[in-house]
Amino acid sequence: MQITLLQGILLASMAFIVGLDDLMEAFFLFRPIMVATFSGIILNDLETGVIAGGLVELAFAGLTPAGGASVPNGTIAGIMTTYLAITQGIKPSEAFPLALPFCFLMQYLGTLKGTIFAFFMKPADNMAEKGDAKGLVRLHVLTLIITGLCFAVVTFLCTYAAQDLITSIVNSFPERLMNGLSVAGGLLPAVGFCMLLAVL
């Protein structure tokens, strides 16, 4: 299945919004179960979106960034698992392992973004000393926009722009490999839940 330009734009717009929430952690729209459900609605397959979201949510249940720690991005994992399952006609458990490189990409991009944001601290301190509240608000809005654009651009490039490449790669996989991915995808939620229980 090929997605349309409109669906690609809608996915990118949704990613922009949940990217803002990923930074603020206000409404938890960035959680895999939410973004996968939204992606399923956009791609006209709500059922697959909900199943993929539940699968990825369990796998990422124990991966919570503490302090400055950087973890694989569950938001992109939810989007890409749903996208791959629907467009490639495969099970969510097969699509999930295929989505992992994309969430690692977003993890590294997030680290780079955090490094860039460190240079905002000195101007922010200066604004605070001068009592420039409007300047601080503008600076915070700028960081939100940068974060949202990172999510939007990665989502658009990985779904709409690269869909022919992704389809050719998935089609080249032998059946034995796809069966292995399905087994691995089914085990990952159990590993994530065990990590959460270990912390508790």
C-alpha atoms as a PDB file:
ATOM      1  CA  MET A   1       0.000   0.000   0.000  1.00  0.00           C
ATOM      2  CA  GLN A   2       1.255   3.470  -0.916  1.00  0.00           C
ATOM      3  CA  ILE A   3       0.300   6.406   1.278  1.00  0.00           C
ATOM      4  CA  THR A   4      -0.802   9.661  -0.285  1.00  0.00           C
ATOM      5  CA  LEU A   5       0.891  13.034   0.076  1.00  0.00           C
ATOM      6  CA  LEU A   6      -2.032  14.161   2.230  1.00  0.00           C
ATOM      7  CA  GLN A   7      -1.530  11.206   4.584  1.00  0.00           C
ATOM      8  CA  GLY A   8       2.190  11.983   4.726  1.00  0.00           C
ATOM      9  CA  ILE A   9       1.458  15.602   5.636  1.00  0.00           C
ATOM     10  CA  LEU A  10      -1.122  14.519   8.234  1.00  0.00           C
ATOM     11  CA  LEU A  11       1.376  12.101   9.803  1.00  0.00           C
ATOM     12  CA  ALA A  12       4.006  14.861   9.898  1.00  0.00           C
ATOM     13  CA  SER A  13       1.506  17.325  11.410  1.00  0.00           C
ATOM     14  CA  MET A  14       0.520  14.799  14.047  1.00  0.00           C
ATOM     15  CA  ALA A  15       4.211  14.151  14.767  1.00  0.00           C
ATOM     16  CA  PHE A  16       4.788  17.909  15.177  1.00  0.00           C
ATOM     17  CA  ILE A  17       2.024  18.138  17.790  1.00  0.00           C
ATOM     18  CA  VAL A  18       3.115  15.066  19.746  1.00  0.00           C
ATOM     19  CA  GLY A  19       6.713  16.305  19.480  1.00  0.00           C
ATOM     20  CA  LEU A  20       5.678  19.421  21.394  1.00  0.00           C
ATOM     21  CA  ASP A  21       4.061  17.208  24.019  1.00  0.00           C
ATOM     22  CA  ASP A  22       7.167  15.007  24.130  1.00  0.00           C
ATOM     23  CA  LEU A  23       9.165  18.015  25.312  1.00  0.00           C
ATOM     24  CA  MET A  24       6.499  19.353  27.696  1.00  0.00           C
ATOM     25  CA  GLU A  25       5.107  15.989  28.903  1.00  0.00           C
ATOM     26  CA  ALA A  26       1.794  17.733  29.482  1.00  0.00           C
ATOM     27  CA  PHE A  27      -0.856  15.457  27.953  1.00  0.00           C
ATOM     28  CA  PHE A  28       1.190  12.293  27.213  1.00  0.00           C
ATOM     29  CA  LEU A  29       0.034  12.287  23.596  1.00  0.00           C
ATOM     30  CA  PHE A  30       3.586  11.254  22.685  1.00  0.00           C
ATOM     31  CA  ARG A  31       3.203   7.782  24.197  1.00  0.00           C
ATOM     32  CA  PRO A  32       3.366   4.943  21.622  1.00  0.00           C
ATOM     33  CA  ILE A  33      -0.198   3.778  22.246  1.00  0.00           C
ATOM     34  CA  MET A  34      -1.485   7.275  21.456  1.00  0.00           C
ATOM     35  CA  VAL A  35       0.628   8.037  18.374  1.00  0.00           C
ATOM     36  CA  ALA A  36       0.040   4.568  16.931  1.00  0.00           C
ATOM     37  CA  THR A  37      -3.713   5.019  17.316  1.00  0.00           C
ATOM     38  CA  PHE A  38      -3.553   8.455  15.657  1.00  0.00           C
ATOM     39  CA  SER A  39      -1.422   6.968  12.861  1.00  0.00           C
ATOM     40  CA  GLY A  40      -3.930   4.159  12.380  1.00  0.00           C
ATOM     41  CA  ILE A  41      -6.733   6.699  11.999  1.00  0.00           C
ATOM     42  CA  ILE A  42      -4.741   8.683   9.413  1.00  0.00           C
ATOM     43  CA  LEU A  43      -3.882   5.505   7.490  1.00  0.00           C
ATOM     44  CA  ASN A  44      -7.499   4.243   7.643  1.00  0.00           C
ATOM     45  CA  ASP A  45      -6.764   1.212   9.825  1.00  0.00           C
ATOM     46  CA  LEU A  46      -7.609   2.012  13.429  1.00  0.00           C
ATOM     47  CA  GLU A  47      -7.501  -1.625  14.564  1.00  0.00           C
ATOM     48  CA  THR A  48      -3.899  -2.126  13.441  1.00  0.00           C
ATOM     49  CA  GLY A  49      -2.954   1.197  15.011  1.00  0.00           C
ATOM     50  CA  VAL A  50      -4.360   0.208  18.400  1.00  0.00           C
ATOM     51  CA  ILE A  51      -2.712  -3.244  18.300  1.00  0.00           C
ATOM     52  CA  ALA A  52       0.641  -1.777  17.251  1.00  0.00           C
ATOM     53  CA  GLY A  53       0.337   0.912  19.920  1.00  0.00           C
ATOM     54  CA  GLY A  54      -0.288  -1.618  22.674  1.00  0.00           C
ATOM     55  CA  LEU A  55       2.653  -3.731  21.512  1.00  0.00           C
ATOM     56  CA  VAL A  56       5.096  -0.817  21.412  1.00  0.00           C
ATOM     57  CA  GLU A  57       3.763   0.731  24.636  1.00  0.00           C
ATOM     58  CA  LEU A  58       4.506  -2.456  26.563  1.00  0.00           C
ATOM     59  CA  ALA A  59       7.990  -2.701  25.063  1.00  0.00           C
ATOM     60  CA  PHE A  60       8.793   0.896  26.028  1.00  0.00           C
ATOM     61  CA  ALA A  61       7.111   0.749  29.439  1.00  0.00           C
ATOM     62  CA  GLY A  62      10.442   0.428  31.238  1.00  0.00           C
ATOM     63  CA  LEU A  63      12.384   2.869  29.061  1.00  0.00           C
ATOM     64  CA  THR A  64      12.017   6.167  30.869  1.00  0.00           C
ATOM     65  CA  PRO A  65      14.741   8.790  30.510  1.00  0.00           C
ATOM     66  CA  ALA A  66      16.103   9.717  33.931  1.00  0.00           C
ATOM     67  CA  GLY A  67      18.060  12.937  34.234  1.00  0.00           C
ATOM     68  CA  GLY A  68      20.154  13.403  31.116  1.00  0.00           C
ATOM     69  CA  ALA A  69      19.803   9.805  29.935  1.00  0.00           C
ATOM     70  CA  SER A  70      18.869   9.255  26.293  1.00  0.00           C
ATOM     71  CA  VAL A  71      16.676   6.294  25.376  1.00  0.00           C
ATOM     72  CA  PRO A  72      15.279   5.037  22.040  1.00  0.00           C
ATOM     73  CA  ASN A  73      12.329   7.169  21.001  1.00  0.00           C
ATOM     74  CA  GLY A  74       9.027   5.392  21.591  1.00  0.00           C
ATOM     75  CA  THR A  75       7.015   8.035  19.744  1.00  0.00           C
ATOM     76  CA  ILE A  76       8.680   7.336  16.394  1.00  0.00           C
ATOM     77  CA  ALA A  77       8.573   3.600  17.161  1.00  0.00           C
ATOM     78  CA  GLY A  78       4.784   3.812  17.517  1.00  0.00           C
ATOM     79  CA  ILE A  79       4.372   5.768  14.293  1.00  0.00           C
ATOM     80  CA  MET A  80       6.697   3.572  12.240  1.00  0.00           C
ATOM     81  CA  THR A  81       5.364   0.272  13.604  1.00  0.00           C
ATOM     82  CA  THR A  82       1.853   1.265  12.570  1.00  0.00           C
ATOM     83  CA  TYR A  83       3.030   2.637   9.236  1.00  0.00           C
ATOM     84  CA  LEU A  84       5.043  -0.492   8.378  1.00  0.00           C
ATOM     85  CA  ALA A  85       2.306  -2.889   9.496  1.00  0.00           C
ATOM     86  CA  ILE A  86      -0.346  -1.145   7.390  1.00  0.00           C
ATOM     87  CA  THR A  87       1.638  -0.272   4.278  1.00  0.00           C
ATOM     88  CA  GLN A  88       3.595  -3.528   4.052  1.00  0.00           C
ATOM     89  CA  GLY A  89       0.675  -5.769   4.986  1.00  0.00           C
ATOM     90  CA  ILE A  90       2.555  -7.429   7.843  1.00  0.00           C
ATOM     91  CA  LYS A  91       1.695  -8.118  11.472  1.00  0.00           C
ATOM     92  CA  PRO A  92       2.525  -5.429  14.053  1.00  0.00           C
ATOM     93  CA  SER A  93       4.835  -7.916  15.792  1.00  0.00           C
ATOM     94  CA  GLU A  94       6.807  -8.186  12.519  1.00  0.00           C
ATOM     95  CA  ALA A  95       6.741  -4.429  11.945  1.00  0.00           C
ATOM     96  CA  PHE A  96       7.976  -3.505  15.422  1.00  0.00           C
ATOM     97  CA  PRO A  97      11.564  -4.800  15.037  1.00  0.00           C
ATOM     98  CA  LEU A  98      11.729  -3.103  11.624  1.00  0.00           C
ATOM     99  CA  ALA A  99      10.771   0.198  13.295  1.00  0.00           C
ATOM    100  CA  LEU A 100      13.610   0.088  15.827  1.00  0.00           C
ATOM    101  CA  PRO A 101      16.275   1.716  13.579  1.00  0.00           C
ATOM    102  CA  PHE A 102      13.987   4.727  13.189  1.00  0.00           C
ATOM    103  CA  CYS A 103      13.587   5.172  16.942  1.00  0.00           C
ATOM    104  CA  PHE A 104      17.389   4.913  17.356  1.00  0.00           C
ATOM    105  CA  LEU A 105      17.740   7.612  14.686  1.00  0.00           C
ATOM    106  CA  MET A 106      15.392   9.850  16.671  1.00  0.00           C
ATOM    107  CA  GLN A 107      17.313   9.059  19.859  1.00  0.00           C
ATOM    108  CA  TYR A 108      20.557  10.334  18.311  1.00  0.00           C
ATOM    109  CA  LEU A 109      18.758  13.348  16.874  1.00  0.00           C
ATOM    110  CA  GLY A 110      17.352  14.065  20.331  1.00  0.00           C
ATOM    111  CA  THR A 111      20.858  13.948  21.811  1.00  0.00           C
ATOM    112  CA  LEU A 112      22.064  16.392  19.149  1.00  0.00           C
ATOM    113  CA  LYS A 113      19.072  18.652  19.825  1.00  0.00           C
ATOM    114  CA  GLY A 114      19.777  18.612  23.560  1.00  0.00           C
ATOM    115  CA  THR A 115      23.395  19.558  22.899  1.00  0.00           C
ATOM    116  CA  ILE A 116      22.267  22.522  20.799  1.00  0.00           C
ATOM    117  CA  PHE A 117      19.776  23.560  23.473  1.00  0.00           C
ATOM    118  CA  ALA A 118      22.661  23.785  25.966  1.00  0.00           C
ATOM    119  CA  PHE A 119      23.834  26.909  24.124  1.00  0.00           C
ATOM    120  CA  PHE A 120      20.466  28.533  24.919  1.00  0.00           C
ATOM    121  CA  MET A 121      21.218  28.502  28.641  1.00  0.00           C
ATOM    122  CA  LYS A 122      23.506  31.557  28.721  1.00  0.00           C
ATOM    123  CA  PRO A 123      21.024  33.803  26.848  1.00  0.00           C
ATOM    124  CA  ALA A 124      18.263  32.474  29.117  1.00  0.00           C
ATOM    125  CA  ASP A 125      20.297  33.372  32.223  1.00  0.00           C
ATOM    126  CA  ASN A 126      20.910  36.867  30.871  1.00  0.00           C
ATOM    127  CA  MET A 127      17.194  37.323  30.165  1.00  0.00           C
ATOM    128  CA  ALA A 128      16.342  36.120  33.671  1.00  0.00           C
ATOM    129  CA  GLU A 129      18.790  38.587  35.234  1.00  0.00           C
ATOM    130  CA  LYS A 130      17.221  41.452  33.267  1.00  0.00           C
ATOM    131  CA  GLY A 131      13.686  40.299  34.056  1.00  0.00           C
ATOM    132  CA  ASP A 132      12.953  39.800  30.357  1.00  0.00           C
ATOM    133  CA  ALA A 133       9.956  37.480  30.706  1.00  0.00           C
ATOM    134  CA  LYS A 134       8.892  37.906  27.069  1.00  0.00           C
ATOM    135  CA  GLY A 135      12.361  36.948  25.881  1.00  0.00           C
ATOM    136  CA  LEU A 136      12.268  33.770  27.992  1.00  0.00           C
ATOM    137  CA  VAL A 137       8.854  32.867  26.569  1.00  0.00           C
ATOM    138  CA  ARG A 138      10.170  33.372  23.017  1.00  0.00           C
ATOM    139  CA  LEU A 139      13.167  31.162  23.801  1.00  0.00           C
ATOM    140  CA  HIS A 140      10.947  28.398  25.173  1.00  0.00           C
ATOM    141  CA  VAL A 141       8.649  28.622  22.153  1.00  0.00           C
ATOM    142  CA  LEU A 142      11.696  28.352  19.885  1.00  0.00           C
ATOM    143  CA  THR A 143      12.789  25.110  21.573  1.00  0.00           C
ATOM    144  CA  LEU A 144       9.263  23.739  21.204  1.00  0.00           C
ATOM    145  CA  ILE A 145       9.167  24.567  17.485  1.00  0.00           C
ATOM    146  CA  ILE A 146      12.591  22.991  16.886  1.00  0.00           C
ATOM    147  CA  THR A 147      11.499  19.815  18.691  1.00  0.00           C
ATOM    148  CA  GLY A 148       8.212  19.626  16.800  1.00  0.00           C
ATOM    149  CA  LEU A 149       9.965  20.141  13.462  1.00  0.00           C
ATOM    150  CA  CYS A 150      12.448  17.353  14.252  1.00  0.00           C
ATOM    151  CA  PHE A 151       9.573  14.915  14.787  1.00  0.00           C
ATOM    152  CA  ALA A 152       7.665  16.188  11.743  1.00  0.00           C
ATOM    153  CA  VAL A 153      10.602  16.061   9.324  1.00  0.00           C
ATOM    154  CA  VAL A 154      11.758  12.603  10.433  1.00  0.00           C
ATOM    155  CA  THR A 155       8.207  11.253  10.191  1.00  0.00           C
ATOM    156  CA  PHE A 156       7.577  12.727   6.729  1.00  0.00           C
ATOM    157  CA  LEU A 157      10.914  11.531   5.330  1.00  0.00           C
ATOM    158  CA  CYS A 158      10.555   8.024   6.794  1.00  0.00           C
ATOM    159  CA  THR A 159       6.946   7.512   5.738  1.00  0.00           C
ATOM    160  CA  TYR A 160       6.111   9.390   2.567  1.00  0.00           C
ATOM    161  CA  ALA A 161       9.489  10.272   1.023  1.00  0.00           C
ATOM    162  CA  ALA A 162      11.163   6.877   1.581  1.00  0.00           C
ATOM    163  CA  GLN A 163       8.184   4.573   1.146  1.00  0.00           C
ATOM    164  CA  ASP A 164       9.418   3.007  -2.118  1.00  0.00           C
ATOM    165  CA  LEU A 165      12.827   2.276  -0.567  1.00  0.00           C
ATOM    166  CA  ILE A 166      11.255   0.772   2.559  1.00  0.00           C
ATOM    167  CA  THR A 167       8.907  -1.388   0.492  1.00  0.00           C
ATOM    168  CA  SER A 168      11.776  -2.758  -1.596  1.00  0.00           C
ATOM    169  CA  ILE A 169      13.798  -3.544   1.541  1.00  0.00           C
ATOM    170  CA  VAL A 170      10.912  -5.339   3.259  1.00  0.00           C
ATOM    171  CA  ASN A 171      10.085  -7.291   0.110  1.00  0.00           C
ATOM    172  CA  SER A 172      13.680  -8.498  -0.105  1.00  0.00           C
ATOM    173  CA  PHE A 173      13.502 -10.151   3.322  1.00  0.00           C
ATOM    174  CA  PRO A 174      13.145 -13.964   3.237  1.00  0.00           C
ATOM    175  CA  GLU A 175      10.190 -15.576   4.984  1.00  0.00           C
ATOM    176  CA  ARG A 176      12.456 -17.107   7.646  1.00  0.00           C
ATOM    177  CA  LEU A 177      13.720 -13.653   8.622  1.00  0.00           C
ATOM    178  CA  MET A 178      10.187 -12.273   8.810  1.00  0.00           C
ATOM    179  CA  ASN A 179       9.192 -15.182  11.074  1.00  0.00           C
ATOM    180  CA  GLY A 180      12.184 -14.394  13.299  1.00  0.00           C
ATOM    181  CA  LEU A 181      11.202 -10.734  13.441  1.00  0.00           C
ATOM    182  CA  SER A 182       7.675 -11.733  14.404  1.00  0.00           C
ATOM    183  CA  VAL A 183       8.984 -13.830  17.309  1.00  0.00           C
ATOM    184  CA  ALA A 184      11.349 -11.048  18.418  1.00  0.00           C
ATOM    185  CA  GLY A 185       8.565  -8.470  18.159  1.00  0.00           C
ATOM    186  CA  GLY A 186       6.352 -10.636  20.328  1.00  0.00           C
ATOM    187  CA  LEU A 187       9.057 -10.958  22.990  1.00  0.00           C
ATOM    188  CA  LEU A 188      10.030  -7.279  23.196  1.00  0.00           C
ATOM    189  CA  PRO A 189       6.874  -6.205  25.103  1.00  0.00           C
ATOM    190  CA  ALA A 190       7.602  -8.889  27.701  1.00  0.00           C
ATOM    191  CA  VAL A 191      11.161  -7.580  28.058  1.00  0.00           C
ATOM    192  CA  GLY A 192       9.884  -4.015  28.450  1.00  0.00           C
ATOM    193  CA  PHE A 193       7.363  -5.055  31.085  1.00  0.00           C
ATOM    194  CA  CYS A 194      10.037  -7.011  32.976  1.00  0.00           C
ATOM    195  CA  MET A 195      12.247  -3.912  32.968  1.00  0.00           C
ATOM    196  CA  LEU A 196       9.400  -1.912  34.476  1.00  0.00           C
ATOM    197  CA  LEU A 197       8.769  -4.567  37.143  1.00  0.00           C
ATOM    198  CA  ALA A 198      12.476  -4.648  37.955  1.00  0.00           C
ATOM    199  CA  VAL A 199      12.443  -0.913  38.610  1.00  0.00           C
ATOM    200  CA  LEU A 200       9.317  -1.191  40.750  1.00  0.00           C
END
